[in-house]
Amino acid sequence: MMELQVLIVDDSPVMRAFIRRVLDLSGLVVSRCLEASNGEEALRLLENNWVDAVLTDINMPEMDGEELLRRMSEHDVFRLIPVLVVSTDRTEGRIQKMLSLGAKGYVTKPFAPETLREVLEQSLGVVNGSE
């Protein structure tokens, strides 16, 4: 099983802790978990840290998830990192917009650990051996 390094971007410390806990429960091996409270912070962290995936909220102060995706897609290296959107926004328009900006997956809060794991594995291209 591969070890993952992930970046969780959410302005709520409680939600970041929850996502981290869900990742632990999902059975995925997360060797390193970085956290940022907005897109600005996330981009600064990405300058110096390689991650396998970014899990981001949309609505955040300073730089939201939409702008973060836009900025990552314009960057030679960051565009290679799969981004998963984790948001309470369930509107089809928003989901389609985030996917069109380059998000590899979209999970709506609240979610089950299995859902997060499935979407994360799909976005990383991990093949589930049990199928």
N, C-alpha and C. Protein backbone atom coordinates (compact mmCIF):
# COMPACT_ATOMS: atom_id res chain seq x y z
N MET A 1 0.84 -1.19 0.00
CA MET A 1 0.00 0.00 0.00
C MET A 1 0.88 1.24 0.00
N MET A 2 0.56 2.18 -0.88
CA MET A 2 1.38 3.39 -0.94
C MET A 2 1.06 4.34 0.21
N GLU A 3 2.10 5.04 0.64
CA GLU A 3 1.90 6.04 1.69
C GLU A 3 1.63 7.37 1.02
N LEU A 4 0.63 8.07 1.54
CA LEU A 4 0.23 9.33 0.93
C LEU A 4 0.66 10.53 1.75
N GLN A 5 0.95 11.60 1.02
CA GLN A 5 1.16 12.89 1.68
C GLN A 5 0.04 13.77 1.15
N VAL A 6 -0.76 14.30 2.08
CA VAL A 6 -1.90 15.10 1.66
C VAL A 6 -1.87 16.49 2.29
N LEU A 7 -2.53 17.40 1.61
CA LEU A 7 -2.70 18.77 2.11
C LEU A 7 -4.20 19.00 2.24
N ILE A 8 -4.63 19.34 3.45
CA ILE A 8 -6.04 19.63 3.71
C ILE A 8 -6.19 21.15 3.80
N VAL A 9 -7.05 21.70 2.96
CA VAL A 9 -7.24 23.15 2.94
C VAL A 9 -8.68 23.46 3.33
N ASP A 10 -8.85 24.02 4.53
CA ASP A 10 -10.19 24.35 5.01
C ASP A 10 -10.02 25.41 6.09
N ASP A 11 -10.89 26.42 6.10
CA ASP A 11 -10.74 27.48 7.09
C ASP A 11 -11.20 27.05 8.48
N SER A 12 -11.82 25.89 8.58
CA SER A 12 -12.26 25.40 9.89
C SER A 12 -11.28 24.37 10.44
N PRO A 13 -10.62 24.68 11.58
CA PRO A 13 -9.70 23.71 12.20
C PRO A 13 -10.43 22.42 12.57
N VAL A 14 -11.70 22.55 12.94
CA VAL A 14 -12.49 21.37 13.31
C VAL A 14 -12.68 20.48 12.08
N MET A 15 -13.00 21.09 10.94
CA MET A 15 -13.18 20.30 9.71
C MET A 15 -11.87 19.67 9.27
N ARG A 16 -10.75 20.40 9.40
CA ARG A 16 -9.45 19.83 9.03
C ARG A 16 -9.15 18.61 9.89
N ALA A 17 -9.41 18.73 11.19
CA ALA A 17 -9.17 17.60 12.10
C ALA A 17 -10.09 16.42 11.75
N PHE A 18 -11.33 16.76 11.38
CA PHE A 18 -12.30 15.71 11.01
C PHE A 18 -11.84 14.97 9.74
N ILE A 19 -11.42 15.73 8.74
CA ILE A 19 -10.96 15.10 7.49
C ILE A 19 -9.73 14.23 7.76
N ARG A 20 -8.84 14.73 8.60
CA ARG A 20 -7.65 13.95 8.96
C ARG A 20 -8.05 12.64 9.63
N ARG A 21 -9.03 12.72 10.53
CA ARG A 21 -9.54 11.54 11.23
C ARG A 21 -10.19 10.56 10.24
N VAL A 22 -10.98 11.10 9.33
CA VAL A 22 -11.63 10.26 8.32
C VAL A 22 -10.58 9.56 7.45
N LEU A 23 -9.51 10.28 7.10
CA LEU A 23 -8.43 9.66 6.32
C LEU A 23 -7.83 8.49 7.09
N ASP A 24 -7.63 8.69 8.39
CA ASP A 24 -7.09 7.61 9.23
C ASP A 24 -8.03 6.41 9.23
N LEU A 25 -9.33 6.69 9.37
CA LEU A 25 -10.34 5.63 9.42
C LEU A 25 -10.54 4.94 8.07
N SER A 26 -10.19 5.64 6.99
CA SER A 26 -10.48 5.12 5.65
C SER A 26 -9.58 3.94 5.28
N GLY A 27 -8.49 3.76 6.05
CA GLY A 27 -7.59 2.67 5.74
C GLY A 27 -6.47 3.09 4.80
N LEU A 28 -6.52 4.33 4.31
CA LEU A 28 -5.43 4.83 3.48
C LEU A 28 -4.25 5.13 4.41
N VAL A 29 -3.06 4.89 3.93
CA VAL A 29 -1.88 5.16 4.75
C VAL A 29 -1.39 6.58 4.45
N VAL A 30 -1.64 7.48 5.39
CA VAL A 30 -1.22 8.86 5.22
C VAL A 30 0.01 9.09 6.09
N SER A 31 1.15 9.25 5.42
CA SER A 31 2.41 9.41 6.17
C SER A 31 2.61 10.84 6.62
N ARG A 32 2.01 11.78 5.89
CA ARG A 32 2.18 13.19 6.23
C ARG A 32 0.94 13.94 5.84
N CYS A 33 0.46 14.76 6.77
CA CYS A 33 -0.76 15.52 6.53
C CYS A 33 -0.49 16.99 6.83
N LEU A 34 -0.46 17.81 5.78
CA LEU A 34 -0.26 19.24 5.96
C LEU A 34 -1.62 19.91 6.00
N GLU A 35 -1.68 21.07 6.65
CA GLU A 35 -2.95 21.78 6.75
C GLU A 35 -2.77 23.25 6.42
N ALA A 36 -3.78 23.80 5.74
CA ALA A 36 -3.80 25.23 5.43
C ALA A 36 -5.22 25.72 5.65
N SER A 37 -5.35 27.00 6.04
CA SER A 37 -6.68 27.53 6.32
C SER A 37 -7.28 28.28 5.13
N ASN A 38 -6.48 28.46 4.05
CA ASN A 38 -7.01 29.07 2.83
C ASN A 38 -6.06 28.79 1.67
N GLY A 39 -6.47 29.22 0.48
CA GLY A 39 -5.69 28.95 -0.72
C GLY A 39 -4.30 29.56 -0.72
N GLU A 40 -4.18 30.78 -0.16
CA GLU A 40 -2.87 31.45 -0.08
C GLU A 40 -1.88 30.58 0.68
N GLU A 41 -2.33 30.14 1.86
CA GLU A 41 -1.49 29.31 2.72
C GLU A 41 -1.14 28.00 2.02
N ALA A 42 -2.12 27.44 1.33
CA ALA A 42 -1.91 26.17 0.61
C ALA A 42 -0.81 26.33 -0.44
N LEU A 43 -0.88 27.40 -1.23
CA LEU A 43 0.13 27.62 -2.26
C LEU A 43 1.52 27.80 -1.65
N ARG A 44 1.59 28.49 -0.51
CA ARG A 44 2.89 28.66 0.16
C ARG A 44 3.45 27.31 0.60
N LEU A 45 2.58 26.46 1.15
CA LEU A 45 3.02 25.13 1.58
C LEU A 45 3.48 24.29 0.39
N LEU A 46 2.76 24.41 -0.73
CA LEU A 46 3.10 23.62 -1.91
C LEU A 46 4.44 24.03 -2.52
N GLU A 47 4.85 25.28 -2.28
CA GLU A 47 6.15 25.74 -2.79
C GLU A 47 7.29 24.87 -2.25
N ASN A 48 7.12 24.40 -1.01
CA ASN A 48 8.22 23.67 -0.35
C ASN A 48 7.92 22.23 0.01
N ASN A 49 6.73 21.76 -0.33
CA ASN A 49 6.36 20.40 0.06
C ASN A 49 5.64 19.70 -1.07
N TRP A 50 6.09 18.50 -1.43
CA TRP A 50 5.37 17.72 -2.42
C TRP A 50 4.24 16.97 -1.71
N VAL A 51 3.06 16.97 -2.29
CA VAL A 51 1.96 16.18 -1.75
C VAL A 51 1.36 15.35 -2.88
N ASP A 52 0.73 14.25 -2.50
CA ASP A 52 0.10 13.37 -3.49
C ASP A 52 -1.30 13.83 -3.84
N ALA A 53 -1.91 14.58 -2.92
CA ALA A 53 -3.27 15.06 -3.16
C ALA A 53 -3.57 16.27 -2.29
N VAL A 54 -4.46 17.12 -2.81
CA VAL A 54 -4.94 18.28 -2.05
C VAL A 54 -6.45 18.09 -1.86
N LEU A 55 -6.90 18.22 -0.62
CA LEU A 55 -8.33 18.17 -0.33
C LEU A 55 -8.72 19.57 0.10
N THR A 56 -9.55 20.22 -0.68
CA THR A 56 -9.86 21.61 -0.38
C THR A 56 -11.36 21.90 -0.27
N ASP A 57 -11.66 22.81 0.63
CA ASP A 57 -13.00 23.36 0.75
C ASP A 57 -13.11 24.43 -0.35
N ILE A 58 -14.30 24.95 -0.57
CA ILE A 58 -14.45 26.02 -1.57
C ILE A 58 -14.51 27.38 -0.89
N ASN A 59 -15.43 27.54 0.07
CA ASN A 59 -15.63 28.84 0.70
C ASN A 59 -14.66 29.08 1.84
N MET A 60 -13.65 29.92 1.57
CA MET A 60 -12.64 30.27 2.57
C MET A 60 -12.26 31.73 2.40
N PRO A 61 -11.77 32.35 3.47
CA PRO A 61 -11.34 33.75 3.36
C PRO A 61 -10.03 33.85 2.57
N GLU A 62 -9.68 35.04 2.14
CA GLU A 62 -8.45 35.38 1.41
C GLU A 62 -8.37 34.74 0.03
N MET A 63 -8.31 33.40 -0.04
CA MET A 63 -8.35 32.76 -1.35
C MET A 63 -9.19 31.50 -1.24
N ASP A 64 -10.27 31.45 -2.02
CA ASP A 64 -11.16 30.29 -1.93
C ASP A 64 -10.66 29.12 -2.78
N GLY A 65 -11.37 28.02 -2.68
CA GLY A 65 -10.96 26.80 -3.36
C GLY A 65 -10.97 26.94 -4.88
N GLU A 66 -11.89 27.76 -5.37
CA GLU A 66 -11.97 27.96 -6.82
C GLU A 66 -10.71 28.64 -7.35
N GLU A 67 -10.28 29.70 -6.65
CA GLU A 67 -9.07 30.42 -7.04
C GLU A 67 -7.83 29.53 -6.86
N LEU A 68 -7.82 28.73 -5.79
CA LEU A 68 -6.71 27.80 -5.55
C LEU A 68 -6.58 26.84 -6.74
N LEU A 69 -7.69 26.27 -7.17
CA LEU A 69 -7.67 25.36 -8.32
C LEU A 69 -7.16 26.07 -9.57
N ARG A 70 -7.63 27.29 -9.77
CA ARG A 70 -7.22 28.07 -10.93
C ARG A 70 -5.71 28.29 -10.92
N ARG A 71 -5.20 28.71 -9.75
CA ARG A 71 -3.76 28.99 -9.62
C ARG A 71 -2.93 27.72 -9.78
N MET A 72 -3.43 26.61 -9.21
CA MET A 72 -2.70 25.34 -9.34
C MET A 72 -2.65 24.88 -10.80
N SER A 73 -3.75 25.08 -11.53
CA SER A 73 -3.81 24.61 -12.92
C SER A 73 -2.88 25.41 -13.83
N GLU A 74 -2.50 26.62 -13.40
CA GLU A 74 -1.59 27.46 -14.19
C GLU A 74 -0.12 27.19 -13.88
N HIS A 75 0.13 26.35 -12.88
CA HIS A 75 1.50 26.10 -12.42
C HIS A 75 1.99 24.76 -12.99
N ASP A 76 3.22 24.75 -13.51
CA ASP A 76 3.76 23.54 -14.16
C ASP A 76 3.73 22.30 -13.28
N VAL A 77 4.07 22.46 -12.01
CA VAL A 77 4.14 21.30 -11.11
C VAL A 77 2.84 21.07 -10.37
N PHE A 78 2.26 22.15 -9.83
CA PHE A 78 1.04 22.00 -9.02
C PHE A 78 -0.12 21.40 -9.81
N ARG A 79 -0.12 21.63 -11.14
CA ARG A 79 -1.23 21.11 -11.94
C ARG A 79 -1.23 19.59 -11.99
N LEU A 80 -0.10 18.97 -11.61
CA LEU A 80 0.01 17.51 -11.61
C LEU A 80 -0.59 16.88 -10.35
N ILE A 81 -0.85 17.70 -9.34
CA ILE A 81 -1.37 17.19 -8.07
C ILE A 81 -2.89 17.08 -8.14
N PRO A 82 -3.43 15.87 -7.89
CA PRO A 82 -4.88 15.74 -7.91
C PRO A 82 -5.52 16.55 -6.77
N VAL A 83 -6.57 17.28 -7.11
CA VAL A 83 -7.29 18.07 -6.12
C VAL A 83 -8.69 17.50 -5.95
N LEU A 84 -9.05 17.31 -4.69
CA LEU A 84 -10.37 16.82 -4.34
C LEU A 84 -11.09 17.94 -3.63
N VAL A 85 -12.28 18.27 -4.07
CA VAL A 85 -13.06 19.31 -3.41
C VAL A 85 -13.95 18.66 -2.35
N VAL A 86 -13.90 19.20 -1.14
CA VAL A 86 -14.75 18.70 -0.05
C VAL A 86 -15.57 19.90 0.40
N SER A 87 -16.86 19.90 0.07
CA SER A 87 -17.66 21.09 0.30
C SER A 87 -19.10 20.76 0.68
N THR A 88 -19.75 21.71 1.33
CA THR A 88 -21.18 21.54 1.64
C THR A 88 -22.03 21.92 0.43
N ASP A 89 -21.42 22.56 -0.56
CA ASP A 89 -22.15 23.01 -1.75
C ASP A 89 -22.45 21.82 -2.66
N ARG A 90 -23.74 21.47 -2.75
CA ARG A 90 -24.14 20.31 -3.56
C ARG A 90 -24.72 20.69 -4.90
N THR A 91 -24.70 21.98 -5.25
CA THR A 91 -25.34 22.40 -6.50
C THR A 91 -24.56 21.87 -7.70
N GLU A 92 -25.30 21.38 -8.66
CA GLU A 92 -24.70 20.77 -9.86
C GLU A 92 -23.78 21.76 -10.57
N GLY A 93 -24.21 23.03 -10.64
CA GLY A 93 -23.40 24.05 -11.30
C GLY A 93 -22.04 24.20 -10.66
N ARG A 94 -22.02 24.22 -9.32
CA ARG A 94 -20.75 24.38 -8.60
C ARG A 94 -19.87 23.16 -8.80
N ILE A 95 -20.46 21.99 -8.70
CA ILE A 95 -19.69 20.74 -8.88
C ILE A 95 -19.06 20.73 -10.28
N GLN A 96 -19.86 21.04 -11.30
CA GLN A 96 -19.35 21.04 -12.68
C GLN A 96 -18.25 22.09 -12.86
N LYS A 97 -18.43 23.25 -12.23
CA LYS A 97 -17.43 24.31 -12.36
C LYS A 97 -16.09 23.87 -11.77
N MET A 98 -16.13 23.27 -10.58
CA MET A 98 -14.89 22.83 -9.93
C MET A 98 -14.22 21.74 -10.74
N LEU A 99 -15.01 20.83 -11.29
CA LEU A 99 -14.43 19.76 -12.11
C LEU A 99 -13.84 20.34 -13.40
N SER A 100 -14.50 21.36 -13.95
CA SER A 100 -13.99 21.97 -15.18
C SER A 100 -12.70 22.75 -14.90
N LEU A 101 -12.52 23.21 -13.67
CA LEU A 101 -11.29 23.93 -13.29
C LEU A 101 -10.15 22.95 -13.00
N GLY A 102 -10.46 21.66 -13.00
CA GLY A 102 -9.39 20.69 -12.82
C GLY A 102 -9.49 19.79 -11.61
N ALA A 103 -10.53 19.96 -10.80
CA ALA A 103 -10.69 19.07 -9.65
C ALA A 103 -10.88 17.64 -10.15
N LYS A 104 -10.26 16.67 -9.46
CA LYS A 104 -10.36 15.27 -9.87
C LYS A 104 -11.56 14.58 -9.23
N GLY A 105 -12.09 15.21 -8.18
CA GLY A 105 -13.22 14.61 -7.50
C GLY A 105 -13.92 15.63 -6.64
N TYR A 106 -15.14 15.30 -6.22
CA TYR A 106 -15.94 16.24 -5.44
C TYR A 106 -16.71 15.44 -4.40
N VAL A 107 -16.49 15.75 -3.14
CA VAL A 107 -17.18 15.06 -2.05
C VAL A 107 -17.99 16.09 -1.29
N THR A 108 -19.29 15.80 -1.07
CA THR A 108 -20.09 16.76 -0.32
C THR A 108 -20.14 16.38 1.15
N LYS A 109 -20.00 17.42 2.01
CA LYS A 109 -20.09 17.22 3.45
C LYS A 109 -21.57 17.14 3.81
N PRO A 110 -21.96 16.34 4.76
CA PRO A 110 -21.14 15.34 5.48
C PRO A 110 -20.93 14.11 4.59
N PHE A 111 -19.87 13.37 4.86
CA PHE A 111 -19.57 12.21 4.04
C PHE A 111 -19.07 11.07 4.91
N ALA A 112 -19.13 9.87 4.37
CA ALA A 112 -18.64 8.68 5.08
C ALA A 112 -17.17 8.47 4.71
N PRO A 113 -16.39 7.87 5.63
CA PRO A 113 -14.98 7.59 5.34
C PRO A 113 -14.80 6.83 4.03
N GLU A 114 -15.70 5.87 3.76
CA GLU A 114 -15.58 5.06 2.53
C GLU A 114 -15.71 5.93 1.29
N THR A 115 -16.62 6.92 1.36
CA THR A 115 -16.83 7.81 0.21
C THR A 115 -15.55 8.60 -0.07
N LEU A 116 -14.97 9.17 0.98
CA LEU A 116 -13.75 9.94 0.81
C LEU A 116 -12.65 9.04 0.25
N ARG A 117 -12.54 7.84 0.78
CA ARG A 117 -11.51 6.91 0.32
C ARG A 117 -11.70 6.58 -1.16
N GLU A 118 -12.94 6.25 -1.55
CA GLU A 118 -13.22 5.90 -2.94
C GLU A 118 -12.86 7.03 -3.90
N VAL A 119 -13.31 8.24 -3.56
CA VAL A 119 -13.05 9.38 -4.45
C VAL A 119 -11.56 9.69 -4.50
N LEU A 120 -10.89 9.58 -3.35
CA LEU A 120 -9.45 9.85 -3.30
C LEU A 120 -8.70 8.80 -4.12
N GLU A 121 -9.06 7.54 -3.96
CA GLU A 121 -8.40 6.48 -4.73
C GLU A 121 -8.64 6.66 -6.23
N GLN A 122 -9.86 7.03 -6.60
CA GLN A 122 -10.15 7.26 -8.02
C GLN A 122 -9.28 8.40 -8.55
N SER A 123 -9.20 9.48 -7.79
CA SER A 123 -8.45 10.64 -8.27
C SER A 123 -6.94 10.37 -8.33
N LEU A 124 -6.47 9.43 -7.51
CA LEU A 124 -5.04 9.08 -7.53
C LEU A 124 -4.76 7.96 -8.52
N GLY A 125 -5.85 7.38 -9.06
CA GLY A 125 -5.67 6.28 -10.00
C GLY A 125 -5.31 4.98 -9.32
N VAL A 126 -5.63 4.87 -8.03
CA VAL A 126 -5.34 3.64 -7.30
C VAL A 126 -6.43 2.62 -7.66
N VAL A 127 -6.00 1.43 -8.02
CA VAL A 127 -6.97 0.39 -8.39
C VAL A 127 -7.31 -0.40 -7.13
N ASN A 128 -8.59 -0.49 -6.88
CA ASN A 128 -9.05 -1.24 -5.69
C ASN A 128 -8.99 -2.72 -6.02
N GLY A 129 -8.19 -3.47 -5.25
CA GLY A 129 -7.99 -4.89 -5.50
C GLY A 129 -9.19 -5.75 -5.25
N SER A 130 -10.18 -5.26 -4.52
CA SER A 130 -11.32 -6.09 -4.14
C SER A 130 -12.41 -6.14 -5.21
N GLU A 131 -12.19 -5.44 -6.33
CA GLU A 131 -13.24 -5.43 -7.37
C GLU A 131 -13.04 -6.54 -8.38
